[in-house]
Every structure is written in C-alpha cells, then in structure tokens.
Amino acid sequence: MRPAFAVLLLLTGCRSTYFDAVQALCGKSYEGRMVEGTEASDKAIGEQRLVMHVRSCSASEMRIPFHVGENRSRTWVVTRTADGYRLKHDHRHEDGSEDRITQYGGDTRPGDDDLSLDFHADAHTATLIPTAATNVWTMAIEPGKTFTYALRRANRRFRVEFDLTRPVTPPPPPWGAE
C-alpha cells in the first residue's frame, strides 16, 4: 500500500480489506493493459484487448473472468480461507470442459497488506506445473484507480493493470459459466 494512502485510511478511520474493495466492483468490467511480460508469448497477449469482469461475488468467493481478446478461457477464483485468501485459476475450453492445466494457484500468508495480496504457489500447482512451484501471484487494488494482476518467479514476470476509472460493457460469460 502506498504510504500516503495508508495515512489517509488511518486519518479517516476507513479501513477496507481487499475482499471488500474488490466486491464493490461486482458486476462491473474494466479494460487493462499489459505493463510487464517476459515470455515471448506475452507479446501476443499484450496485443489483445484485456478485460476483467468481477462477475460473481458471495461472502466467501469472487469469480473474475479475465478475457484476452476473444479468448474467454480464464477465470480467477478468490476465496476466503481460515488463514487468509486462496487464488485459483479456472481454465476452460470453449465447450466448457476443464483444461488439462487448471485449478492452479496458491494461498496468502499472514501479514499481507489488506489491499495487495500475494498468493504463493500450493502443492497442487507444484505437481501440475513444476516450473510454477515458486510462483507468487499478486492481486492488488487501489480503490477507484487501478486493479493489478501479476505473476513473478525467477526469470518470469507478468503484470496487467486495469483502469478502474472507466468501466466497460461486460463481456460475454467465460467458457463453462452457467
């Protein structure tokens, strides 16, 4: 969290958690841009229209489809856990069936900033994608300004920033959505 923003929160007595801040966006969509990508395949992603849609929210789960051009295969699933939060990547084919590489992700650790969360790869991810065993995904929100999704590990960086000042028309449902 930026120091000035933290001071503002303390002075106003307003303390918002990540989950509450993102849920305030429920039903809305935002366009983003890739600001960092170190893989050759990232260039093609960065050339597409990138849209996140905070599509469904409950007290314990948020589903946020991430559309890359016409590809509607990706949904971020953030759930509350007893110890924090969990991020899973739900990947689907156009017919709605699960991709072979799906449900990977990780959990937060105690001490994460409440508006910026780091999700550390879990055992399922390490088994499914051995090169992702050290992945750390970050999801951060600066309410009213930006939402950031990022991935980092040794020799790998990927980051997309979404402009929360300009909602866009919600895209079609992600593949496999009911």
C-alpha atoms as a PDB file:
ATOM      1  CA  MET A   1       0.000   0.000   0.000  1.00  0.00           C
ATOM      2  CA  ARG A   2       1.268   3.475  -0.773  1.00  0.00           C
ATOM      3  CA  PRO A   3       2.224   5.348   2.438  1.00  0.00           C
ATOM      4  CA  ALA A   4       0.012   8.372   1.680  1.00  0.00           C
ATOM      5  CA  PHE A   5      -2.984   6.100   1.094  1.00  0.00           C
ATOM      6  CA  ALA A   6      -2.310   4.235   4.355  1.00  0.00           C
ATOM      7  CA  VAL A   7      -2.177   7.533   6.264  1.00  0.00           C
ATOM      8  CA  LEU A   8      -5.442   8.634   4.626  1.00  0.00           C
ATOM      9  CA  LEU A   9      -7.116   5.402   5.727  1.00  0.00           C
ATOM     10  CA  LEU A  10      -5.883   5.864   9.296  1.00  0.00           C
ATOM     11  CA  LEU A  11      -6.945   9.512   9.445  1.00  0.00           C
ATOM     12  CA  THR A  12     -10.438   8.851   8.089  1.00  0.00           C
ATOM     13  CA  GLY A  13     -10.948   5.740  10.197  1.00  0.00           C
ATOM     14  CA  CYS A  14     -11.836   3.885   6.998  1.00  0.00           C
ATOM     15  CA  ARG A  15     -10.155   0.518   6.705  1.00  0.00           C
ATOM     16  CA  SER A  16     -11.120  -1.559   3.705  1.00  0.00           C
ATOM     17  CA  THR A  17      -9.997  -5.114   3.093  1.00  0.00           C
ATOM     18  CA  TYR A  18      -9.035  -6.447  -0.310  1.00  0.00           C
ATOM     19  CA  PHE A  19     -12.129  -8.641  -0.478  1.00  0.00           C
ATOM     20  CA  ASP A  20     -14.491  -5.772   0.347  1.00  0.00           C
ATOM     21  CA  ALA A  21     -12.754  -3.409  -2.063  1.00  0.00           C
ATOM     22  CA  VAL A  22     -12.972  -5.858  -4.974  1.00  0.00           C
ATOM     23  CA  GLN A  23     -16.541  -6.866  -4.136  1.00  0.00           C
ATOM     24  CA  ALA A  24     -17.509  -3.203  -4.519  1.00  0.00           C
ATOM     25  CA  LEU A  25     -16.750  -3.766  -8.233  1.00  0.00           C
ATOM     26  CA  CYS A  26     -19.107  -6.738  -8.530  1.00  0.00           C
ATOM     27  CA  GLY A  27     -20.925  -6.792 -11.860  1.00  0.00           C
ATOM     28  CA  LYS A  28     -18.509  -4.325 -13.450  1.00  0.00           C
ATOM     29  CA  SER A  29     -15.832  -4.788 -16.110  1.00  0.00           C
ATOM     30  CA  TYR A  30     -12.620  -2.924 -16.794  1.00  0.00           C
ATOM     31  CA  GLU A  31     -10.104  -2.813 -19.601  1.00  0.00           C
ATOM     32  CA  GLY A  32      -6.446  -3.296 -18.834  1.00  0.00           C
ATOM     33  CA  ARG A  33      -3.039  -3.231 -20.398  1.00  0.00           C
ATOM     34  CA  MET A  34      -0.043  -5.468 -20.000  1.00  0.00           C
ATOM     35  CA  VAL A  35       2.724  -3.449 -18.376  1.00  0.00           C
ATOM     36  CA  GLU A  36       5.238  -6.260 -17.964  1.00  0.00           C
ATOM     37  CA  GLY A  37       5.758  -9.578 -19.720  1.00  0.00           C
ATOM     38  CA  THR A  38       8.988 -11.515 -20.001  1.00  0.00           C
ATOM     39  CA  GLU A  39       7.874 -14.552 -22.041  1.00  0.00           C
ATOM     40  CA  ALA A  40       7.742 -14.489 -25.836  1.00  0.00           C
ATOM     41  CA  SER A  41       4.045 -15.467 -25.660  1.00  0.00           C
ATOM     42  CA  ASP A  42       3.297 -12.391 -23.533  1.00  0.00           C
ATOM     43  CA  LYS A  43       3.699 -10.129 -26.567  1.00  0.00           C
ATOM     44  CA  ALA A  44       0.655 -11.725 -28.227  1.00  0.00           C
ATOM     45  CA  ILE A  45      -1.371 -11.301 -25.018  1.00  0.00           C
ATOM     46  CA  GLY A  46      -0.372  -7.645 -24.762  1.00  0.00           C
ATOM     47  CA  GLU A  47      -1.614  -7.002 -28.300  1.00  0.00           C
ATOM     48  CA  GLN A  48      -5.131  -8.208 -27.415  1.00  0.00           C
ATOM     49  CA  ARG A  49      -7.941  -6.357 -25.659  1.00  0.00           C
ATOM     50  CA  LEU A  50      -7.685  -7.331 -21.971  1.00  0.00           C
ATOM     51  CA  VAL A  51     -10.860  -7.186 -19.871  1.00  0.00           C
ATOM     52  CA  MET A  52     -11.561  -8.309 -16.315  1.00  0.00           C
ATOM     53  CA  HIS A  53     -15.165  -8.785 -15.184  1.00  0.00           C
ATOM     54  CA  VAL A  54     -15.944  -9.054 -11.462  1.00  0.00           C
ATOM     55  CA  ARG A  55     -18.787 -11.363 -12.425  1.00  0.00           C
ATOM     56  CA  SER A  56     -19.961 -13.056  -9.239  1.00  0.00           C
ATOM     57  CA  CYS A  57     -19.464 -12.318  -5.573  1.00  0.00           C
ATOM     58  CA  SER A  58     -20.535 -14.005  -2.364  1.00  0.00           C
ATOM     59  CA  ALA A  59     -19.392 -13.669   1.235  1.00  0.00           C
ATOM     60  CA  SER A  60     -16.742 -16.331   0.614  1.00  0.00           C
ATOM     61  CA  GLU A  61     -15.908 -16.300  -3.118  1.00  0.00           C
ATOM     62  CA  MET A  62     -15.367 -13.991  -6.085  1.00  0.00           C
ATOM     63  CA  ARG A  63     -15.158 -15.151  -9.694  1.00  0.00           C
ATOM     64  CA  ILE A  64     -13.329 -12.758 -12.014  1.00  0.00           C
ATOM     65  CA  PRO A  65     -13.115 -13.792 -15.681  1.00  0.00           C
ATOM     66  CA  PHE A  66     -10.052 -12.447 -17.491  1.00  0.00           C
ATOM     67  CA  HIS A  67     -10.714 -12.133 -21.234  1.00  0.00           C
ATOM     68  CA  VAL A  68      -7.807 -11.964 -23.660  1.00  0.00           C
ATOM     69  CA  GLY A  69      -9.286 -10.816 -26.952  1.00  0.00           C
ATOM     70  CA  GLU A  70     -11.995 -13.342 -27.878  1.00  0.00           C
ATOM     71  CA  ASN A  71     -10.497 -15.979 -25.549  1.00  0.00           C
ATOM     72  CA  ARG A  72     -12.804 -16.499 -22.563  1.00  0.00           C
ATOM     73  CA  SER A  73     -10.945 -19.459 -21.036  1.00  0.00           C
ATOM     74  CA  ARG A  74      -9.593 -17.820 -17.863  1.00  0.00           C
ATOM     75  CA  THR A  75     -11.332 -17.091 -14.558  1.00  0.00           C
ATOM     76  CA  TRP A  76      -9.629 -16.031 -11.342  1.00  0.00           C
ATOM     77  CA  VAL A  77     -11.379 -17.530  -8.318  1.00  0.00           C
ATOM     78  CA  VAL A  78     -10.593 -15.846  -4.997  1.00  0.00           C
ATOM     79  CA  THR A  79     -11.950 -17.459  -1.833  1.00  0.00           C
ATOM     80  CA  ARG A  80     -11.682 -16.682   1.852  1.00  0.00           C
ATOM     81  CA  THR A  81      -9.925 -19.344   3.916  1.00  0.00           C
ATOM     82  CA  ALA A  82      -9.469 -19.781   7.653  1.00  0.00           C
ATOM     83  CA  ASP A  83      -5.990 -18.229   7.330  1.00  0.00           C
ATOM     84  CA  GLY A  84      -6.490 -15.633   4.577  1.00  0.00           C
ATOM     85  CA  TYR A  85      -7.290 -15.986   0.899  1.00  0.00           C
ATOM     86  CA  ARG A  86      -6.819 -18.513  -1.908  1.00  0.00           C
ATOM     87  CA  LEU A  87      -6.426 -17.815  -5.626  1.00  0.00           C
ATOM     88  CA  LYS A  88      -7.206 -20.488  -8.210  1.00  0.00           C
ATOM     89  CA  HIS A  89      -7.022 -20.184 -11.984  1.00  0.00           C
ATOM     90  CA  ASP A  90     -10.017 -21.907 -13.592  1.00  0.00           C
ATOM     91  CA  HIS A  91      -9.145 -22.629 -17.240  1.00  0.00           C
ATOM     92  CA  ARG A  92     -11.825 -23.945 -19.602  1.00  0.00           C
ATOM     93  CA  HIS A  93     -12.181 -24.921 -23.232  1.00  0.00           C
ATOM     94  CA  GLU A  94     -14.794 -23.324 -25.451  1.00  0.00           C
ATOM     95  CA  ASP A  95     -17.133 -26.284 -24.823  1.00  0.00           C
ATOM     96  CA  GLY A  96     -16.927 -25.589 -21.082  1.00  0.00           C
ATOM     97  CA  SER A  97     -14.773 -28.584 -20.194  1.00  0.00           C
ATOM     98  CA  GLU A  98     -11.782 -28.062 -17.906  1.00  0.00           C
ATOM     99  CA  ASP A  99      -8.382 -27.581 -19.457  1.00  0.00           C
ATOM    100  CA  ARG A 100      -5.698 -30.094 -18.510  1.00  0.00           C
ATOM    101  CA  ILE A 101      -3.857 -27.245 -16.756  1.00  0.00           C
ATOM    102  CA  THR A 102      -6.441 -25.740 -14.384  1.00  0.00           C
ATOM    103  CA  GLN A 103      -7.170 -25.053 -10.721  1.00  0.00           C
ATOM    104  CA  TYR A 104      -3.598 -23.999 -10.031  1.00  0.00           C
ATOM    105  CA  GLY A 105      -2.795 -21.150  -7.670  1.00  0.00           C
ATOM    106  CA  GLY A 106      -1.960 -20.608  -4.052  1.00  0.00           C
ATOM    107  CA  ASP A 107      -2.633 -19.028  -0.698  1.00  0.00           C
ATOM    108  CA  THR A 108      -1.773 -15.810   1.082  1.00  0.00           C
ATOM    109  CA  ARG A 109       0.497 -15.756   4.098  1.00  0.00           C
ATOM    110  CA  PRO A 110      -0.073 -13.859   7.332  1.00  0.00           C
ATOM    111  CA  GLY A 111       0.957 -10.217   7.165  1.00  0.00           C
ATOM    112  CA  ASP A 112      -0.130  -9.451   3.610  1.00  0.00           C
ATOM    113  CA  ASP A 113      -1.261  -5.867   3.071  1.00  0.00           C
ATOM    114  CA  ASP A 114      -5.030  -5.850   3.015  1.00  0.00           C
ATOM    115  CA  LEU A 115      -5.255  -4.159  -0.417  1.00  0.00           C
ATOM    116  CA  SER A 116      -2.388  -6.079  -2.032  1.00  0.00           C
ATOM    117  CA  LEU A 117      -2.262  -9.840  -1.623  1.00  0.00           C
ATOM    118  CA  ASP A 118       0.486 -12.283  -2.552  1.00  0.00           C
ATOM    119  CA  PHE A 119      -0.641 -15.830  -3.326  1.00  0.00           C
ATOM    120  CA  HIS A 120       2.189 -18.367  -3.020  1.00  0.00           C
ATOM    121  CA  ALA A 121       2.015 -21.497  -5.177  1.00  0.00           C
ATOM    122  CA  ASP A 122       0.479 -24.500  -3.429  1.00  0.00           C
ATOM    123  CA  ALA A 123       1.389 -28.204  -3.654  1.00  0.00           C
ATOM    124  CA  HIS A 124      -1.212 -28.881  -6.370  1.00  0.00           C
ATOM    125  CA  THR A 125       0.393 -26.203  -8.535  1.00  0.00           C
ATOM    126  CA  ALA A 126       3.888 -27.602  -7.963  1.00  0.00           C
ATOM    127  CA  THR A 127       2.707 -31.056  -9.060  1.00  0.00           C
ATOM    128  CA  LEU A 128       0.669 -29.823 -12.027  1.00  0.00           C
ATOM    129  CA  ILE A 129       3.244 -27.280 -13.295  1.00  0.00           C
ATOM    130  CA  PRO A 130       6.678 -27.964 -11.750  1.00  0.00           C
ATOM    131  CA  THR A 131       8.155 -24.721 -13.146  1.00  0.00           C
ATOM    132  CA  ALA A 132       5.434 -22.805 -11.263  1.00  0.00           C
ATOM    133  CA  ALA A 133       6.331 -24.235  -7.838  1.00  0.00           C
ATOM    134  CA  THR A 134       7.825 -20.890  -6.778  1.00  0.00           C
ATOM    135  CA  ASN A 135       5.159 -18.692  -8.381  1.00  0.00           C
ATOM    136  CA  VAL A 136       3.821 -15.744  -6.469  1.00  0.00           C
ATOM    137  CA  TRP A 137       0.699 -14.106  -7.877  1.00  0.00           C
ATOM    138  CA  THR A 138      -0.191 -10.638  -6.681  1.00  0.00           C
ATOM    139  CA  MET A 139      -3.628  -9.096  -6.855  1.00  0.00           C
ATOM    140  CA  ALA A 140      -3.812  -5.504  -5.711  1.00  0.00           C
ATOM    141  CA  ILE A 141      -6.441  -2.818  -5.757  1.00  0.00           C
ATOM    142  CA  GLU A 142      -6.199   0.911  -5.354  1.00  0.00           C
ATOM    143  CA  PRO A 143      -9.912   1.661  -4.997  1.00  0.00           C
ATOM    144  CA  GLY A 144     -11.218   3.985  -7.668  1.00  0.00           C
ATOM    145  CA  LYS A 145      -7.927   3.846  -9.564  1.00  0.00           C
ATOM    146  CA  THR A 146      -6.378   0.500 -10.528  1.00  0.00           C
ATOM    147  CA  PHE A 147      -6.582  -3.256 -10.126  1.00  0.00           C
ATOM    148  CA  THR A 148      -3.379  -5.183 -10.766  1.00  0.00           C
ATOM    149  CA  TYR A 149      -2.819  -8.869 -11.502  1.00  0.00           C
ATOM    150  CA  ALA A 150       0.802 -10.006 -11.546  1.00  0.00           C
ATOM    151  CA  LEU A 151       2.919 -13.150 -11.594  1.00  0.00           C
ATOM    152  CA  ARG A 152       6.549 -13.454 -10.576  1.00  0.00           C
ATOM    153  CA  ARG A 153       9.148 -16.180 -10.162  1.00  0.00           C
ATOM    154  CA  ALA A 154      12.813 -16.466 -11.062  1.00  0.00           C
ATOM    155  CA  ASN A 155      13.243 -15.259 -14.659  1.00  0.00           C
ATOM    156  CA  ARG A 156       9.490 -14.696 -15.132  1.00  0.00           C
ATOM    157  CA  ARG A 157       7.355 -11.579 -14.764  1.00  0.00           C
ATOM    158  CA  PHE A 158       3.850 -10.783 -15.977  1.00  0.00           C
ATOM    159  CA  ARG A 159       1.649  -7.860 -14.945  1.00  0.00           C
ATOM    160  CA  VAL A 160      -1.614  -6.357 -16.147  1.00  0.00           C
ATOM    161  CA  GLU A 161      -3.112  -3.149 -14.769  1.00  0.00           C
ATOM    162  CA  PHE A 162      -6.819  -2.384 -15.127  1.00  0.00           C
ATOM    163  CA  ASP A 163      -8.205   1.164 -15.128  1.00  0.00           C
ATOM    164  CA  LEU A 164     -10.980   1.328 -12.527  1.00  0.00           C
ATOM    165  CA  THR A 165     -11.914   4.892 -13.518  1.00  0.00           C
ATOM    166  CA  ARG A 166     -13.542   3.700 -16.755  1.00  0.00           C
ATOM    167  CA  PRO A 167     -15.924   0.735 -16.577  1.00  0.00           C
ATOM    168  CA  VAL A 168     -16.594  -1.019 -19.894  1.00  0.00           C
ATOM    169  CA  THR A 169     -19.531  -3.075 -21.122  1.00  0.00           C
ATOM    170  CA  PRO A 170     -19.357  -6.552 -19.544  1.00  0.00           C
ATOM    171  CA  PRO A 171     -18.105  -9.206 -21.966  1.00  0.00           C
ATOM    172  CA  PRO A 172     -19.924 -12.486 -22.675  1.00  0.00           C
ATOM    173  CA  PRO A 173     -19.724 -15.118 -19.917  1.00  0.00           C
ATOM    174  CA  PRO A 174     -16.496 -17.096 -19.616  1.00  0.00           C
ATOM    175  CA  TRP A 175     -16.426 -20.526 -21.177  1.00  0.00           C
ATOM    176  CA  GLY A 176     -18.062 -23.042 -18.872  1.00  0.00           C
ATOM    177  CA  ALA A 177     -20.110 -20.478 -16.931  1.00  0.00           C
ATOM    178  CA  GLU A 178     -23.643 -21.490 -16.094  1.00  0.00           C
END
